[in-house]
Amino acid sequence: MDTTKAKKELGWQPTYTSAETLAALAAAL
């Protein structure tokens, strides 16, 4: 997922990196 537009236009930052999200998903399984 490309979040460049949200970062540039809104100053948005994701709470978690994709690596952190994948690790949490794997741990939940």
PDB file of N, CA and C in Angstrom:
ATOM      1  N   MET A   1       0.851  -1.170   0.000  1.00  0.00           N
ATOM      2  CA  MET A   1       0.000   0.000   0.000  1.00  0.00           C
ATOM      3  C   MET A   1       0.900   1.237   0.000  1.00  0.00           C
ATOM      4  N   ASP A   2       0.612   2.155  -0.892  1.00  0.00           N
ATOM      5  CA  ASP A   2       1.397   3.384  -0.981  1.00  0.00           C
ATOM      6  C   ASP A   2       0.720   4.483  -0.162  1.00  0.00           C
ATOM      7  N   THR A   3       1.411   4.969   0.830  1.00  0.00           N
ATOM      8  CA  THR A   3       0.847   6.004   1.702  1.00  0.00           C
ATOM      9  C   THR A   3       1.473   7.374   1.440  1.00  0.00           C
ATOM     10  N   THR A   4       2.188   7.500   0.322  1.00  0.00           N
ATOM     11  CA  THR A   4       2.895   8.739   0.009  1.00  0.00           C
ATOM     12  C   THR A   4       1.969   9.946  -0.031  1.00  0.00           C
ATOM     13  N   LYS A   5       0.813   9.807  -0.680  1.00  0.00           N
ATOM     14  CA  LYS A   5      -0.112  10.942  -0.801  1.00  0.00           C
ATOM     15  C   LYS A   5      -0.610  11.396   0.570  1.00  0.00           C
ATOM     16  N   ALA A   6      -0.961  10.457   1.424  1.00  0.00           N
ATOM     17  CA  ALA A   6      -1.421  10.812   2.769  1.00  0.00           C
ATOM     18  C   ALA A   6      -0.313  11.499   3.561  1.00  0.00           C
ATOM     19  N   LYS A   7       0.910  11.028   3.401  1.00  0.00           N
ATOM     20  CA  LYS A   7       2.039  11.642   4.103  1.00  0.00           C
ATOM     21  C   LYS A   7       2.276  13.066   3.613  1.00  0.00           C
ATOM     22  N   LYS A   8       2.280  13.249   2.284  1.00  0.00           N
ATOM     23  CA  LYS A   8       2.566  14.560   1.710  1.00  0.00           C
ATOM     24  C   LYS A   8       1.449  15.561   1.961  1.00  0.00           C
ATOM     25  N   GLU A   9       0.209  15.162   1.737  1.00  0.00           N
ATOM     26  CA  GLU A   9      -0.900  16.105   1.811  1.00  0.00           C
ATOM     27  C   GLU A   9      -1.443  16.308   3.220  1.00  0.00           C
ATOM     28  N   LEU A  10      -1.373  15.290   4.050  1.00  0.00           N
ATOM     29  CA  LEU A  10      -1.977  15.370   5.378  1.00  0.00           C
ATOM     30  C   LEU A  10      -0.972  15.353   6.521  1.00  0.00           C
ATOM     31  N   GLY A  11       0.289  15.054   6.206  1.00  0.00           N
ATOM     32  CA  GLY A  11       1.285  14.938   7.256  1.00  0.00           C
ATOM     33  C   GLY A  11       1.092  13.685   8.095  1.00  0.00           C
ATOM     34  N   TRP A  12       0.389  12.696   7.512  1.00  0.00           N
ATOM     35  CA  TRP A  12       0.049  11.461   8.212  1.00  0.00           C
ATOM     36  C   TRP A  12       1.257  10.544   8.319  1.00  0.00           C
ATOM     37  N   GLN A  13       1.376   9.859   9.438  1.00  0.00           N
ATOM     38  CA  GLN A  13       2.417   8.855   9.656  1.00  0.00           C
ATOM     39  C   GLN A  13       1.743   7.575  10.128  1.00  0.00           C
ATOM     40  N   PRO A  14       2.117   6.429   9.564  1.00  0.00           N
ATOM     41  CA  PRO A  14       1.522   5.182  10.036  1.00  0.00           C
ATOM     42  C   PRO A  14       1.955   4.883  11.470  1.00  0.00           C
ATOM     43  N   THR A  15       1.075   4.278  12.230  1.00  0.00           N
ATOM     44  CA  THR A  15       1.385   3.932  13.614  1.00  0.00           C
ATOM     45  C   THR A  15       2.364   2.771  13.670  1.00  0.00           C
ATOM     46  N   TYR A  16       2.198   1.820  12.772  1.00  0.00           N
ATOM     47  CA  TYR A  16       3.045   0.633  12.733  1.00  0.00           C
ATOM     48  C   TYR A  16       3.644   0.480  11.346  1.00  0.00           C
ATOM     49  N   THR A  17       4.856  -0.064  11.286  1.00  0.00           N
ATOM     50  CA  THR A  17       5.454  -0.364   9.991  1.00  0.00           C
ATOM     51  C   THR A  17       4.828  -1.642   9.452  1.00  0.00           C
ATOM     52  N   SER A  18       5.021  -1.888   8.181  1.00  0.00           N
ATOM     53  CA  SER A  18       4.476  -3.119   7.602  1.00  0.00           C
ATOM     54  C   SER A  18       5.124  -4.341   8.246  1.00  0.00           C
ATOM     55  N   ALA A  19       6.398  -4.258   8.602  1.00  0.00           N
ATOM     56  CA  ALA A  19       7.072  -5.380   9.263  1.00  0.00           C
ATOM     57  C   ALA A  19       6.442  -5.660  10.631  1.00  0.00           C
ATOM     58  N   GLU A  20       6.133  -4.611  11.380  1.00  0.00           N
ATOM     59  CA  GLU A  20       5.493  -4.784  12.688  1.00  0.00           C
ATOM     60  C   GLU A  20       4.099  -5.388  12.540  1.00  0.00           C
ATOM     61  N   THR A  21       3.377  -4.948  11.528  1.00  0.00           N
ATOM     62  CA  THR A  21       2.034  -5.473  11.282  1.00  0.00           C
ATOM     63  C   THR A  21       2.086  -6.949  10.938  1.00  0.00           C
ATOM     64  N   LEU A  22       3.011  -7.335  10.064  1.00  0.00           N
ATOM     65  CA  LEU A  22       3.144  -8.743   9.687  1.00  0.00           C
ATOM     66  C   LEU A  22       3.557  -9.600  10.881  1.00  0.00           C
ATOM     67  N   ALA A  23       4.449  -9.089  11.709  1.00  0.00           N
ATOM     68  CA  ALA A  23       4.877  -9.832  12.895  1.00  0.00           C
ATOM     69  C   ALA A  23       3.708 -10.040  13.858  1.00  0.00           C
ATOM     70  N   ALA A  24       2.898  -9.011  14.054  1.00  0.00           N
ATOM     71  CA  ALA A  24       1.740  -9.128  14.942  1.00  0.00           C
ATOM     72  C   ALA A  24       0.724 -10.114  14.376  1.00  0.00           C
ATOM     73  N   LEU A  25       0.529 -10.082  13.073  1.00  0.00           N
ATOM     74  CA  LEU A  25      -0.394 -11.010  12.430  1.00  0.00           C
ATOM     75  C   LEU A  25       0.095 -12.447  12.588  1.00  0.00           C
ATOM     76  N   ALA A  26       1.373 -12.668  12.360  1.00  0.00           N
ATOM     77  CA  ALA A  26       1.935 -14.012  12.485  1.00  0.00           C
ATOM     78  C   ALA A  26       1.835 -14.514  13.928  1.00  0.00           C
ATOM     79  N   ALA A  27       2.049 -13.633  14.886  1.00  0.00           N
ATOM     80  CA  ALA A  27       1.978 -14.018  16.294  1.00  0.00           C
ATOM     81  C   ALA A  27       0.548 -14.365  16.706  1.00  0.00           C
ATOM     82  N   ALA A  28      -0.422 -13.756  16.051  1.00  0.00           N
ATOM     83  CA  ALA A  28      -1.822 -13.984  16.405  1.00  0.00           C
ATOM     84  C   ALA A  28      -2.363 -15.300  15.852  1.00  0.00           C
ATOM     85  N   LEU A  29      -1.674 -15.867  14.888  1.00  0.00           N
ATOM     86  CA  LEU A  29      -2.159 -17.108  14.274  1.00  0.00           C
ATOM     87  C   LEU A  29      -1.806 -18.328  15.081  1.00  0.00           C
TER      88      LEU A  29
END
